[in-house]
Amino acid sequence: MERKYEDIVDLLVRCLEAWLTWLEEDNNNLAAEKEEKKWRAENEAYSLNEFTYNWEFTEKWE
């Protein structure tokens, strides 16, 4: 009976460790996705501003 109890506790500990590892990886992935969305938004705004500036510059010199 003692051996079964130790096996169950060992199994639970390994399951909790695996779950914690998965949560940490998921958290890292979410942080990376958030950073990528921020970068894409900044890049899109920069590209739009550059396009607008180039268009205005071209209009003034034509």
PDB file of N, CA and C in Angstrom:
ATOM      1  N   MET A   1       0.828  -1.196   0.000  1.00  0.00           N
ATOM      2  CA  MET A   1       0.000   0.000   0.000  1.00  0.00           C
ATOM      3  C   MET A   1       0.876   1.265   0.000  1.00  0.00           C
ATOM      4  N   GLU A   2       1.945   1.209   0.773  1.00  0.00           N
ATOM      5  CA  GLU A   2       2.862   2.345   0.842  1.00  0.00           C
ATOM      6  C   GLU A   2       3.473   2.638  -0.528  1.00  0.00           C
ATOM      7  N   ARG A   3       3.806   1.606  -1.262  1.00  0.00           N
ATOM      8  CA  ARG A   3       4.412   1.749  -2.593  1.00  0.00           C
ATOM      9  C   ARG A   3       3.433   2.400  -3.575  1.00  0.00           C
ATOM     10  N   LYS A   4       2.162   2.018  -3.533  1.00  0.00           N
ATOM     11  CA  LYS A   4       1.159   2.623  -4.415  1.00  0.00           C
ATOM     12  C   LYS A   4       1.018   4.110  -4.120  1.00  0.00           C
ATOM     13  N   TYR A   5       1.035   4.452  -2.845  1.00  0.00           N
ATOM     14  CA  TYR A   5       0.916   5.844  -2.454  1.00  0.00           C
ATOM     15  C   TYR A   5       2.099   6.650  -3.003  1.00  0.00           C
ATOM     16  N   GLU A   6       3.299   6.123  -2.891  1.00  0.00           N
ATOM     17  CA  GLU A   6       4.483   6.810  -3.405  1.00  0.00           C
ATOM     18  C   GLU A   6       4.426   6.951  -4.923  1.00  0.00           C
ATOM     19  N   ASP A   7       3.928   5.920  -5.609  1.00  0.00           N
ATOM     20  CA  ASP A   7       3.812   5.987  -7.065  1.00  0.00           C
ATOM     21  C   ASP A   7       2.798   7.050  -7.488  1.00  0.00           C
ATOM     22  N   ILE A   8       1.687   7.133  -6.769  1.00  0.00           N
ATOM     23  CA  ILE A   8       0.657   8.127  -7.092  1.00  0.00           C
ATOM     24  C   ILE A   8       1.193   9.533  -6.851  1.00  0.00           C
ATOM     25  N   VAL A   9       1.877   9.728  -5.738  1.00  0.00           N
ATOM     26  CA  VAL A   9       2.451  11.042  -5.436  1.00  0.00           C
ATOM     27  C   VAL A   9       3.497  11.415  -6.480  1.00  0.00           C
ATOM     28  N   ASP A  10       4.330  10.464  -6.858  1.00  0.00           N
ATOM     29  CA  ASP A  10       5.343  10.707  -7.880  1.00  0.00           C
ATOM     30  C   ASP A  10       4.685  11.086  -9.210  1.00  0.00           C
ATOM     31  N   LEU A  11       3.637  10.386  -9.561  1.00  0.00           N
ATOM     32  CA  LEU A  11       2.921  10.685 -10.806  1.00  0.00           C
ATOM     33  C   LEU A  11       2.309  12.079 -10.762  1.00  0.00           C
ATOM     34  N   LEU A  12       1.704  12.428  -9.646  1.00  0.00           N
ATOM     35  CA  LEU A  12       1.113  13.761  -9.506  1.00  0.00           C
ATOM     36  C   LEU A  12       2.175  14.851  -9.587  1.00  0.00           C
ATOM     37  N   VAL A  13       3.310  14.624  -8.956  1.00  0.00           N
ATOM     38  CA  VAL A  13       4.396  15.610  -9.005  1.00  0.00           C
ATOM     39  C   VAL A  13       4.873  15.797 -10.444  1.00  0.00           C
ATOM     40  N   ARG A  14       5.063  14.702 -11.161  1.00  0.00           N
ATOM     41  CA  ARG A  14       5.517  14.820 -12.551  1.00  0.00           C
ATOM     42  C   ARG A  14       4.474  15.504 -13.420  1.00  0.00           C
ATOM     43  N   CYS A  15       3.192  15.231 -13.182  1.00  0.00           N
ATOM     44  CA  CYS A  15       2.128  15.895 -13.941  1.00  0.00           C
ATOM     45  C   CYS A  15       2.121  17.395 -13.670  1.00  0.00           C
ATOM     46  N   LEU A  16       2.271  17.772 -12.408  1.00  0.00           N
ATOM     47  CA  LEU A  16       2.289  19.199 -12.063  1.00  0.00           C
ATOM     48  C   LEU A  16       3.514  19.903 -12.644  1.00  0.00           C
ATOM     49  N   GLU A  17       4.650  19.240 -12.642  1.00  0.00           N
ATOM     50  CA  GLU A  17       5.851  19.826 -13.248  1.00  0.00           C
ATOM     51  C   GLU A  17       5.667  20.022 -14.750  1.00  0.00           C
ATOM     52  N   ALA A  18       5.073  19.035 -15.399  1.00  0.00           N
ATOM     53  CA  ALA A  18       4.821  19.148 -16.834  1.00  0.00           C
ATOM     54  C   ALA A  18       3.834  20.274 -17.120  1.00  0.00           C
ATOM     55  N   TRP A  19       2.817  20.385 -16.295  1.00  0.00           N
ATOM     56  CA  TRP A  19       1.815  21.435 -16.473  1.00  0.00           C
ATOM     57  C   TRP A  19       2.449  22.811 -16.278  1.00  0.00           C
ATOM     58  N   LEU A  20       3.310  22.941 -15.269  1.00  0.00           N
ATOM     59  CA  LEU A  20       3.990  24.204 -15.023  1.00  0.00           C
ATOM     60  C   LEU A  20       4.894  24.572 -16.202  1.00  0.00           C
ATOM     61  N   THR A  21       5.609  23.602 -16.727  1.00  0.00           N
ATOM     62  CA  THR A  21       6.466  23.842 -17.897  1.00  0.00           C
ATOM     63  C   THR A  21       5.634  24.309 -19.079  1.00  0.00           C
ATOM     64  N   TRP A  22       4.493  23.657 -19.290  1.00  0.00           N
ATOM     65  CA  TRP A  22       3.615  24.046 -20.403  1.00  0.00           C
ATOM     66  C   TRP A  22       3.112  25.465 -20.214  1.00  0.00           C
ATOM     67  N   LEU A  23       2.709  25.823 -18.992  1.00  0.00           N
ATOM     68  CA  LEU A  23       2.224  27.179 -18.726  1.00  0.00           C
ATOM     69  C   LEU A  23       3.316  28.223 -18.957  1.00  0.00           C
ATOM     70  N   GLU A  24       4.540  27.915 -18.564  1.00  0.00           N
ATOM     71  CA  GLU A  24       5.643  28.848 -18.786  1.00  0.00           C
ATOM     72  C   GLU A  24       5.894  29.045 -20.279  1.00  0.00           C
ATOM     73  N   GLU A  25       5.882  27.956 -21.030  1.00  0.00           N
ATOM     74  CA  GLU A  25       6.081  28.058 -22.488  1.00  0.00           C
ATOM     75  C   GLU A  25       4.943  28.841 -23.141  1.00  0.00           C
ATOM     76  N   ASP A  26       3.720  28.586 -22.705  1.00  0.00           N
ATOM     77  CA  ASP A  26       2.561  29.290 -23.248  1.00  0.00           C
ATOM     78  C   ASP A  26       2.658  30.778 -22.940  1.00  0.00           C
ATOM     79  N   ASN A  27       3.099  31.109 -21.742  1.00  0.00           N
ATOM     80  CA  ASN A  27       3.272  32.509 -21.364  1.00  0.00           C
ATOM     81  C   ASN A  27       4.333  33.177 -22.236  1.00  0.00           C
ATOM     82  N   ASN A  28       5.432  32.476 -22.493  1.00  0.00           N
ATOM     83  CA  ASN A  28       6.479  33.019 -23.369  1.00  0.00           C
ATOM     84  C   ASN A  28       5.955  33.236 -24.780  1.00  0.00           C
ATOM     85  N   ASN A  29       5.147  32.298 -25.266  1.00  0.00           N
ATOM     86  CA  ASN A  29       4.585  32.427 -26.609  1.00  0.00           C
ATOM     87  C   ASN A  29       3.627  33.610 -26.689  1.00  0.00           C
ATOM     88  N   LEU A  30       2.817  33.807 -25.651  1.00  0.00           N
ATOM     89  CA  LEU A  30       1.897  34.946 -25.641  1.00  0.00           C
ATOM     90  C   LEU A  30       2.660  36.266 -25.621  1.00  0.00           C
ATOM     91  N   ALA A  31       3.735  36.309 -24.855  1.00  0.00           N
ATOM     92  CA  ALA A  31       4.546  37.529 -24.802  1.00  0.00           C
ATOM     93  C   ALA A  31       5.171  37.810 -26.171  1.00  0.00           C
ATOM     94  N   ALA A  32       5.627  36.773 -26.842  1.00  0.00           N
ATOM     95  CA  ALA A  32       6.218  36.941 -28.170  1.00  0.00           C
ATOM     96  C   ALA A  32       5.161  37.403 -29.177  1.00  0.00           C
ATOM     97  N   GLU A  33       3.963  36.843 -29.086  1.00  0.00           N
ATOM     98  CA  GLU A  33       2.888  37.269 -29.990  1.00  0.00           C
ATOM     99  C   GLU A  33       2.516  38.727 -29.750  1.00  0.00           C
ATOM    100  N   LYS A  34       2.470  39.134 -28.483  1.00  0.00           N
ATOM    101  CA  LYS A  34       2.145  40.528 -28.152  1.00  0.00           C
ATOM    102  C   LYS A  34       3.213  41.460 -28.706  1.00  0.00           C
ATOM    103  N   GLU A  35       4.468  41.083 -28.551  1.00  0.00           N
ATOM    104  CA  GLU A  35       5.574  41.893 -29.077  1.00  0.00           C
ATOM    105  C   GLU A  35       5.511  41.981 -30.603  1.00  0.00           C
ATOM    106  N   GLU A  36       5.171  40.866 -31.253  1.00  0.00           N
ATOM    107  CA  GLU A  36       5.075  40.867 -32.710  1.00  0.00           C
ATOM    108  C   GLU A  36       3.932  41.763 -33.180  1.00  0.00           C
ATOM    109  N   LYS A  37       2.786  41.727 -32.497  1.00  0.00           N
ATOM    110  CA  LYS A  37       1.666  42.596 -32.872  1.00  0.00           C
ATOM    111  C   LYS A  37       2.041  44.061 -32.712  1.00  0.00           C
ATOM    112  N   LYS A  38       2.759  44.367 -31.625  1.00  0.00           N
ATOM    113  CA  LYS A  38       3.206  45.741 -31.400  1.00  0.00           C
ATOM    114  C   LYS A  38       4.153  46.171 -32.514  1.00  0.00           C
ATOM    115  N   TRP A  39       5.089  45.301 -32.862  1.00  0.00           N
ATOM    116  CA  TRP A  39       6.050  45.616 -33.916  1.00  0.00           C
ATOM    117  C   TRP A  39       5.344  45.818 -35.249  1.00  0.00           C
ATOM    118  N   ARG A  40       4.388  44.943 -35.555  1.00  0.00           N
ATOM    119  CA  ARG A  40       3.665  45.072 -36.825  1.00  0.00           C
ATOM    120  C   ARG A  40       2.880  46.377 -36.890  1.00  0.00           C
ATOM    121  N   ALA A  41       2.244  46.754 -35.784  1.00  0.00           N
ATOM    122  CA  ALA A  41       1.481  48.004 -35.746  1.00  0.00           C
ATOM    123  C   ALA A  41       2.412  49.200 -35.950  1.00  0.00           C
ATOM    124  N   GLU A  42       3.560  49.195 -35.276  1.00  0.00           N
ATOM    125  CA  GLU A  42       4.524  50.288 -35.445  1.00  0.00           C
ATOM    126  C   GLU A  42       5.055  50.329 -36.876  1.00  0.00           C
ATOM    127  N   ASN A  43       5.349  49.174 -37.431  1.00  0.00           N
ATOM    128  CA  ASN A  43       5.871  49.103 -38.786  1.00  0.00           C
ATOM    129  C   ASN A  43       4.831  49.585 -39.803  1.00  0.00           C
ATOM    130  N   GLU A  44       3.575  49.202 -39.584  1.00  0.00           N
ATOM    131  CA  GLU A  44       2.508  49.633 -40.491  1.00  0.00           C
ATOM    132  C   GLU A  44       2.330  51.148 -40.428  1.00  0.00           C
ATOM    133  N   ALA A  45       2.363  51.702 -39.216  1.00  0.00           N
ATOM    134  CA  ALA A  45       2.225  53.154 -39.069  1.00  0.00           C
ATOM    135  C   ALA A  45       3.403  53.868 -39.726  1.00  0.00           C
ATOM    136  N   TYR A  46       4.593  53.349 -39.562  1.00  0.00           N
ATOM    137  CA  TYR A  46       5.772  53.962 -40.188  1.00  0.00           C
ATOM    138  C   TYR A  46       5.651  53.913 -41.710  1.00  0.00           C
ATOM    139  N   SER A  47       5.237  52.762 -42.236  1.00  0.00           N
ATOM    140  CA  SER A  47       5.105  52.621 -43.683  1.00  0.00           C
ATOM    141  C   SER A  47       4.057  53.588 -44.233  1.00  0.00           C
ATOM    142  N   LEU A  48       2.949  53.745 -43.508  1.00  0.00           N
ATOM    143  CA  LEU A  48       1.897  54.659 -43.939  1.00  0.00           C
ATOM    144  C   LEU A  48       2.398  56.094 -43.924  1.00  0.00           C
ATOM    145  N   ASN A  49       3.131  56.470 -42.871  1.00  0.00           N
ATOM    146  CA  ASN A  49       3.683  57.829 -42.794  1.00  0.00           C
ATOM    147  C   ASN A  49       4.696  58.066 -43.906  1.00  0.00           C
ATOM    148  N   GLU A  50       5.528  57.079 -44.183  1.00  0.00           N
ATOM    149  CA  GLU A  50       6.520  57.219 -45.243  1.00  0.00           C
ATOM    150  C   GLU A  50       5.844  57.372 -46.602  1.00  0.00           C
ATOM    151  N   PHE A  51       4.799  56.574 -46.844  1.00  0.00           N
ATOM    152  CA  PHE A  51       4.074  56.656 -48.106  1.00  0.00           C
ATOM    153  C   PHE A  51       3.429  58.032 -48.261  1.00  0.00           C
ATOM    154  N   THR A  52       2.816  58.532 -47.178  1.00  0.00           N
ATOM    155  CA  THR A  52       2.165  59.844 -47.220  1.00  0.00           C
ATOM    156  C   THR A  52       3.193  60.936 -47.477  1.00  0.00           C
ATOM    157  N   TYR A  53       4.331  60.864 -46.797  1.00  0.00           N
ATOM    158  CA  TYR A  53       5.377  61.865 -46.987  1.00  0.00           C
ATOM    159  C   TYR A  53       5.898  61.839 -48.430  1.00  0.00           C
ATOM    160  N   ASN A  54       6.170  60.654 -48.961  1.00  0.00           N
ATOM    161  CA  ASN A  54       6.678  60.546 -50.322  1.00  0.00           C
ATOM    162  C   ASN A  54       5.672  61.068 -51.327  1.00  0.00           C
ATOM    163  N   TRP A  55       4.379  60.805 -51.074  1.00  0.00           N
ATOM    164  CA  TRP A  55       3.351  61.283 -51.988  1.00  0.00           C
ATOM    165  C   TRP A  55       3.279  62.802 -51.959  1.00  0.00           C
ATOM    166  N   GLU A  56       3.329  63.414 -50.757  1.00  0.00           N
ATOM    167  CA  GLU A  56       3.292  64.863 -50.652  1.00  0.00           C
ATOM    168  C   GLU A  56       4.535  65.484 -51.285  1.00  0.00           C
ATOM    169  N   PHE A  57       5.690  64.887 -51.102  1.00  0.00           N
ATOM    170  CA  PHE A  57       6.922  65.387 -51.669  1.00  0.00           C
ATOM    171  C   PHE A  57       6.840  65.373 -53.196  1.00  0.00           C
ATOM    172  N   THR A  58       6.332  64.267 -53.743  1.00  0.00           N
ATOM    173  CA  THR A  58       6.214  64.138 -55.184  1.00  0.00           C
ATOM    174  C   THR A  58       5.228  65.162 -55.734  1.00  0.00           C
ATOM    175  N   GLU A  59       4.120  65.358 -55.048  1.00  0.00           N
ATOM    176  CA  GLU A  59       3.127  66.320 -55.503  1.00  0.00           C
ATOM    177  C   GLU A  59       3.704  67.743 -55.544  1.00  0.00           C
ATOM    178  N   LYS A  60       4.512  68.102 -54.553  1.00  0.00           N
ATOM    179  CA  LYS A  60       5.046  69.468 -54.490  1.00  0.00           C
ATOM    180  C   LYS A  60       6.063  69.719 -55.610  1.00  0.00           C
ATOM    181  N   TRP A  61       6.788  68.690 -56.030  1.00  0.00           N
ATOM    182  CA  TRP A  61       7.836  68.882 -57.025  1.00  0.00           C
ATOM    183  C   TRP A  61       7.375  68.653 -58.449  1.00  0.00           C
ATOM    184  N   GLU A  62       6.157  68.241 -58.625  1.00  0.00           N
ATOM    185  CA  GLU A  62       5.668  68.025 -60.012  1.00  0.00           C
ATOM    186  C   GLU A  62       5.054  69.262 -60.587  1.00  0.00           C
TER     187      GLU A  62
END
